[in-house]
Amino acid sequence: MVWNVLFSYSKGEQIFYFYTIIINLIGFILMGIDKYKARKEIWRIKEFTLIFISFVGGSIGSLIGMVIFKHKIHKKKFYIGIPLIYILNLIVKHIIIYYL
């Protein structure tokens, strides 16, 4: 049944949804890795990388990672910036889906 739903979309839509899932998983995983590294006090993932992943579509994964791992929730550029990027991602997603 899941395959029938998946194949009912065009090839472009399938690629778009696959990309969205993968980039959000990457955002979530990077938040977890960075939190782990922060606890161990070892080399960290750059903030630019975390924000960039959110900007290119991984904002919901990053937000979920922030909440679950309790990571970067006290930094203004994250607790304000990532939700704003999420809103921007929603706008872009709707433009892509409905107008392209």
N, C-alpha and C. Protein backbone atom coordinates (compact mmCIF):
# COMPACT_ATOMS: atom_id res chain seq x y z
N MET A 1 0.81 -1.19 0.00
CA MET A 1 0.00 0.00 0.00
C MET A 1 0.85 1.26 0.00
N VAL A 2 1.90 1.25 0.81
CA VAL A 2 2.79 2.42 0.85
C VAL A 2 3.43 2.65 -0.51
N TRP A 3 3.80 1.55 -1.17
CA TRP A 3 4.44 1.69 -2.48
C TRP A 3 3.47 2.28 -3.50
N ASN A 4 2.19 1.90 -3.42
CA ASN A 4 1.20 2.45 -4.34
C ASN A 4 1.07 3.96 -4.17
N VAL A 5 1.08 4.41 -2.91
CA VAL A 5 0.99 5.85 -2.66
C VAL A 5 2.25 6.53 -3.17
N LEU A 6 3.40 5.93 -2.91
CA LEU A 6 4.67 6.52 -3.35
C LEU A 6 4.72 6.65 -4.86
N PHE A 7 4.28 5.62 -5.57
CA PHE A 7 4.38 5.65 -7.03
C PHE A 7 3.26 6.45 -7.68
N SER A 8 2.29 6.92 -6.90
CA SER A 8 1.24 7.76 -7.48
C SER A 8 1.74 9.19 -7.73
N TYR A 9 2.88 9.53 -7.15
CA TYR A 9 3.48 10.85 -7.36
C TYR A 9 4.36 10.82 -8.61
N SER A 10 4.56 12.00 -9.20
CA SER A 10 5.47 12.09 -10.34
C SER A 10 6.90 11.89 -9.87
N LYS A 11 7.79 11.67 -10.81
CA LYS A 11 9.20 11.44 -10.47
C LYS A 11 9.79 12.65 -9.74
N GLY A 12 9.44 13.86 -10.18
CA GLY A 12 9.93 15.07 -9.52
C GLY A 12 9.44 15.18 -8.09
N GLU A 13 8.17 14.83 -7.86
CA GLU A 13 7.62 14.87 -6.50
C GLU A 13 8.28 13.83 -5.61
N GLN A 14 8.53 12.66 -6.17
CA GLN A 14 9.20 11.61 -5.41
C GLN A 14 10.59 12.06 -4.97
N ILE A 15 11.32 12.68 -5.89
CA ILE A 15 12.66 13.17 -5.57
C ILE A 15 12.59 14.26 -4.51
N PHE A 16 11.64 15.17 -4.66
CA PHE A 16 11.48 16.26 -3.69
C PHE A 16 11.19 15.72 -2.29
N TYR A 17 10.26 14.76 -2.17
CA TYR A 17 9.92 14.21 -0.86
C TYR A 17 11.06 13.38 -0.28
N PHE A 18 11.76 12.64 -1.13
CA PHE A 18 12.92 11.88 -0.68
C PHE A 18 13.99 12.82 -0.15
N TYR A 19 14.26 13.90 -0.88
CA TYR A 19 15.23 14.90 -0.44
C TYR A 19 14.83 15.50 0.91
N THR A 20 13.55 15.83 1.05
CA THR A 20 13.06 16.43 2.29
C THR A 20 13.28 15.49 3.47
N ILE A 21 12.99 14.22 3.29
CA ILE A 21 13.18 13.25 4.37
C ILE A 21 14.66 13.12 4.72
N ILE A 22 15.50 12.99 3.72
CA ILE A 22 16.94 12.79 3.96
C ILE A 22 17.57 14.02 4.62
N ILE A 23 17.27 15.22 4.14
CA ILE A 23 17.89 16.42 4.70
C ILE A 23 17.43 16.65 6.14
N ASN A 24 16.19 16.29 6.45
CA ASN A 24 15.71 16.43 7.82
C ASN A 24 16.36 15.39 8.74
N LEU A 25 16.57 14.19 8.25
CA LEU A 25 17.30 13.19 9.03
C LEU A 25 18.72 13.66 9.30
N ILE A 26 19.35 14.25 8.30
CA ILE A 26 20.70 14.78 8.48
C ILE A 26 20.70 15.87 9.54
N GLY A 27 19.74 16.80 9.49
CA GLY A 27 19.66 17.86 10.50
C GLY A 27 19.49 17.30 11.89
N PHE A 28 18.62 16.31 12.04
CA PHE A 28 18.39 15.68 13.34
C PHE A 28 19.65 14.99 13.85
N ILE A 29 20.28 14.20 12.99
CA ILE A 29 21.48 13.45 13.38
C ILE A 29 22.62 14.40 13.73
N LEU A 30 22.80 15.47 12.96
CA LEU A 30 23.88 16.42 13.26
C LEU A 30 23.69 17.08 14.63
N MET A 31 22.44 17.38 14.99
CA MET A 31 22.19 17.94 16.32
C MET A 31 22.60 16.94 17.40
N GLY A 32 22.28 15.67 17.20
CA GLY A 32 22.65 14.64 18.16
C GLY A 32 24.15 14.46 18.26
N ILE A 33 24.81 14.45 17.12
CA ILE A 33 26.28 14.30 17.11
C ILE A 33 26.93 15.49 17.80
N ASP A 34 26.46 16.71 17.50
CA ASP A 34 27.06 17.89 18.11
C ASP A 34 26.84 17.91 19.62
N LYS A 35 25.68 17.47 20.08
CA LYS A 35 25.42 17.40 21.52
C LYS A 35 26.36 16.39 22.17
N TYR A 36 26.53 15.24 21.53
CA TYR A 36 27.45 14.23 22.04
C TYR A 36 28.87 14.79 22.15
N LYS A 37 29.30 15.48 21.10
CA LYS A 37 30.65 16.05 21.09
C LYS A 37 30.78 17.15 22.13
N ALA A 38 29.72 17.90 22.38
CA ALA A 38 29.77 18.95 23.39
C ALA A 38 29.96 18.34 24.78
N ARG A 39 29.29 17.25 25.04
CA ARG A 39 29.45 16.57 26.33
C ARG A 39 30.85 16.01 26.52
N LYS A 40 31.43 15.49 25.43
CA LYS A 40 32.77 14.90 25.49
C LYS A 40 33.86 15.96 25.37
N GLU A 41 33.46 17.20 25.11
CA GLU A 41 34.39 18.32 24.92
C GLU A 41 35.43 18.03 23.84
N ILE A 42 34.93 17.54 22.71
CA ILE A 42 35.81 17.30 21.56
C ILE A 42 35.36 18.17 20.41
N TRP A 43 36.06 18.08 19.29
CA TRP A 43 35.80 18.89 18.10
C TRP A 43 34.32 18.89 17.79
N ARG A 44 33.78 20.07 17.50
CA ARG A 44 32.34 20.26 17.31
C ARG A 44 32.01 20.56 15.86
N ILE A 45 30.75 20.38 15.53
CA ILE A 45 30.23 20.75 14.21
C ILE A 45 30.02 22.27 14.22
N LYS A 46 30.45 22.94 13.16
CA LYS A 46 30.31 24.40 13.10
C LYS A 46 28.85 24.81 13.11
N GLU A 47 28.56 25.91 13.80
CA GLU A 47 27.20 26.43 13.83
C GLU A 47 26.71 26.76 12.43
N PHE A 48 27.60 27.24 11.59
CA PHE A 48 27.22 27.54 10.21
C PHE A 48 26.67 26.30 9.51
N THR A 49 27.30 25.15 9.75
CA THR A 49 26.85 23.90 9.14
C THR A 49 25.45 23.54 9.62
N LEU A 50 25.20 23.66 10.92
CA LEU A 50 23.89 23.34 11.47
C LEU A 50 22.81 24.26 10.90
N ILE A 51 23.12 25.53 10.80
CA ILE A 51 22.16 26.50 10.26
C ILE A 51 21.97 26.28 8.76
N PHE A 52 23.04 25.99 8.05
CA PHE A 52 22.96 25.75 6.61
C PHE A 52 22.08 24.55 6.29
N ILE A 53 22.24 23.46 7.04
CA ILE A 53 21.41 22.28 6.83
C ILE A 53 19.94 22.64 7.04
N SER A 54 19.66 23.45 8.03
CA SER A 54 18.28 23.90 8.27
C SER A 54 17.79 24.73 7.10
N PHE A 55 18.63 25.60 6.60
CA PHE A 55 18.25 26.51 5.52
C PHE A 55 17.92 25.76 4.23
N VAL A 56 18.63 24.70 3.95
CA VAL A 56 18.41 23.97 2.70
C VAL A 56 17.32 22.90 2.83
N GLY A 57 16.52 22.98 3.88
CA GLY A 57 15.36 22.11 3.99
C GLY A 57 15.30 21.23 5.21
N GLY A 58 16.32 21.25 6.05
CA GLY A 58 16.35 20.37 7.21
C GLY A 58 15.92 21.02 8.51
N SER A 59 15.11 22.04 8.42
CA SER A 59 14.76 22.80 9.62
C SER A 59 13.92 22.02 10.62
N ILE A 60 12.97 21.22 10.14
CA ILE A 60 12.14 20.47 11.08
C ILE A 60 12.95 19.39 11.79
N GLY A 61 13.86 18.76 11.08
CA GLY A 61 14.75 17.77 11.71
C GLY A 61 15.65 18.43 12.73
N SER A 62 16.15 19.61 12.41
CA SER A 62 17.00 20.35 13.36
C SER A 62 16.21 20.77 14.59
N LEU A 63 14.98 21.24 14.38
CA LEU A 63 14.13 21.64 15.51
C LEU A 63 13.84 20.46 16.42
N ILE A 64 13.50 19.34 15.84
CA ILE A 64 13.22 18.15 16.65
C ILE A 64 14.49 17.72 17.39
N GLY A 65 15.62 17.78 16.70
CA GLY A 65 16.90 17.45 17.35
C GLY A 65 17.23 18.40 18.49
N MET A 66 16.95 19.69 18.31
CA MET A 66 17.19 20.66 19.38
C MET A 66 16.38 20.30 20.62
N VAL A 67 15.13 19.93 20.42
CA VAL A 67 14.24 19.63 21.55
C VAL A 67 14.62 18.29 22.19
N ILE A 68 14.78 17.26 21.40
CA ILE A 68 15.06 15.93 21.94
C ILE A 68 16.42 15.90 22.65
N PHE A 69 17.44 16.48 22.03
CA PHE A 69 18.78 16.44 22.60
C PHE A 69 19.04 17.62 23.55
N LYS A 70 18.08 18.54 23.66
CA LYS A 70 18.23 19.75 24.48
C LYS A 70 19.55 20.44 24.12
N HIS A 71 19.69 20.69 22.83
CA HIS A 71 20.94 21.24 22.31
C HIS A 71 20.68 22.56 21.58
N LYS A 72 21.46 23.56 21.91
CA LYS A 72 21.39 24.89 21.30
C LYS A 72 20.07 25.60 21.61
N ILE A 73 19.36 25.18 22.65
CA ILE A 73 18.07 25.79 22.95
C ILE A 73 18.21 27.11 23.70
N HIS A 74 19.39 27.45 24.14
CA HIS A 74 19.60 28.72 24.84
C HIS A 74 20.32 29.75 23.96
N LYS A 75 20.66 29.37 22.75
CA LYS A 75 21.33 30.29 21.83
C LYS A 75 20.29 30.95 20.95
N LYS A 76 20.28 32.28 20.98
CA LYS A 76 19.26 33.05 20.27
C LYS A 76 19.22 32.74 18.78
N LYS A 77 20.38 32.60 18.15
CA LYS A 77 20.38 32.35 16.71
C LYS A 77 19.77 31.00 16.37
N PHE A 78 19.66 30.11 17.36
CA PHE A 78 19.02 28.83 17.12
C PHE A 78 17.56 28.81 17.55
N TYR A 79 17.25 29.28 18.76
CA TYR A 79 15.86 29.19 19.20
C TYR A 79 14.96 30.21 18.52
N ILE A 80 15.53 31.20 17.87
CA ILE A 80 14.74 32.11 17.03
C ILE A 80 14.99 31.82 15.55
N GLY A 81 16.24 31.62 15.20
CA GLY A 81 16.62 31.45 13.80
C GLY A 81 16.07 30.20 13.14
N ILE A 82 16.16 29.06 13.81
CA ILE A 82 15.71 27.81 13.19
C ILE A 82 14.19 27.82 12.96
N PRO A 83 13.36 28.28 13.92
CA PRO A 83 11.92 28.38 13.60
C PRO A 83 11.62 29.34 12.44
N LEU A 84 12.37 30.44 12.35
CA LEU A 84 12.18 31.35 11.21
C LEU A 84 12.57 30.68 9.90
N ILE A 85 13.64 29.91 9.93
CA ILE A 85 14.05 29.18 8.74
C ILE A 85 12.99 28.13 8.40
N TYR A 86 12.40 27.52 9.41
CA TYR A 86 11.32 26.55 9.17
C TYR A 86 10.15 27.21 8.44
N ILE A 87 9.77 28.39 8.87
CA ILE A 87 8.68 29.12 8.20
C ILE A 87 9.07 29.42 6.75
N LEU A 88 10.30 29.86 6.54
CA LEU A 88 10.80 30.10 5.18
C LEU A 88 10.76 28.82 4.35
N ASN A 89 11.17 27.69 4.96
CA ASN A 89 11.12 26.40 4.26
C ASN A 89 9.70 26.04 3.86
N LEU A 90 8.73 26.31 4.75
CA LEU A 90 7.32 26.02 4.43
C LEU A 90 6.85 26.84 3.24
N ILE A 91 7.22 28.11 3.22
CA ILE A 91 6.83 28.99 2.12
C ILE A 91 7.42 28.49 0.81
N VAL A 92 8.71 28.15 0.82
CA VAL A 92 9.38 27.65 -0.39
C VAL A 92 8.76 26.32 -0.82
N LYS A 93 8.47 25.44 0.14
CA LYS A 93 7.86 24.14 -0.18
C LYS A 93 6.50 24.36 -0.87
N HIS A 94 5.69 25.25 -0.36
CA HIS A 94 4.40 25.50 -0.98
C HIS A 94 4.53 26.11 -2.37
N ILE A 95 5.51 26.97 -2.55
CA ILE A 95 5.75 27.53 -3.89
C ILE A 95 6.16 26.43 -4.85
N ILE A 96 7.05 25.55 -4.41
CA ILE A 96 7.50 24.45 -5.27
C ILE A 96 6.34 23.52 -5.61
N ILE A 97 5.55 23.15 -4.63
CA ILE A 97 4.47 22.19 -4.84
C ILE A 97 3.36 22.77 -5.70
N TYR A 98 2.96 24.00 -5.43
CA TYR A 98 1.78 24.53 -6.11
C TYR A 98 2.06 25.32 -7.38
N TYR A 99 3.27 25.82 -7.54
CA TYR A 99 3.53 26.67 -8.70
C TYR A 99 4.55 26.14 -9.67
N LEU A 100 5.25 25.08 -9.32
CA LEU A 100 6.26 24.56 -10.25
C LEU A 100 5.92 23.18 -10.74
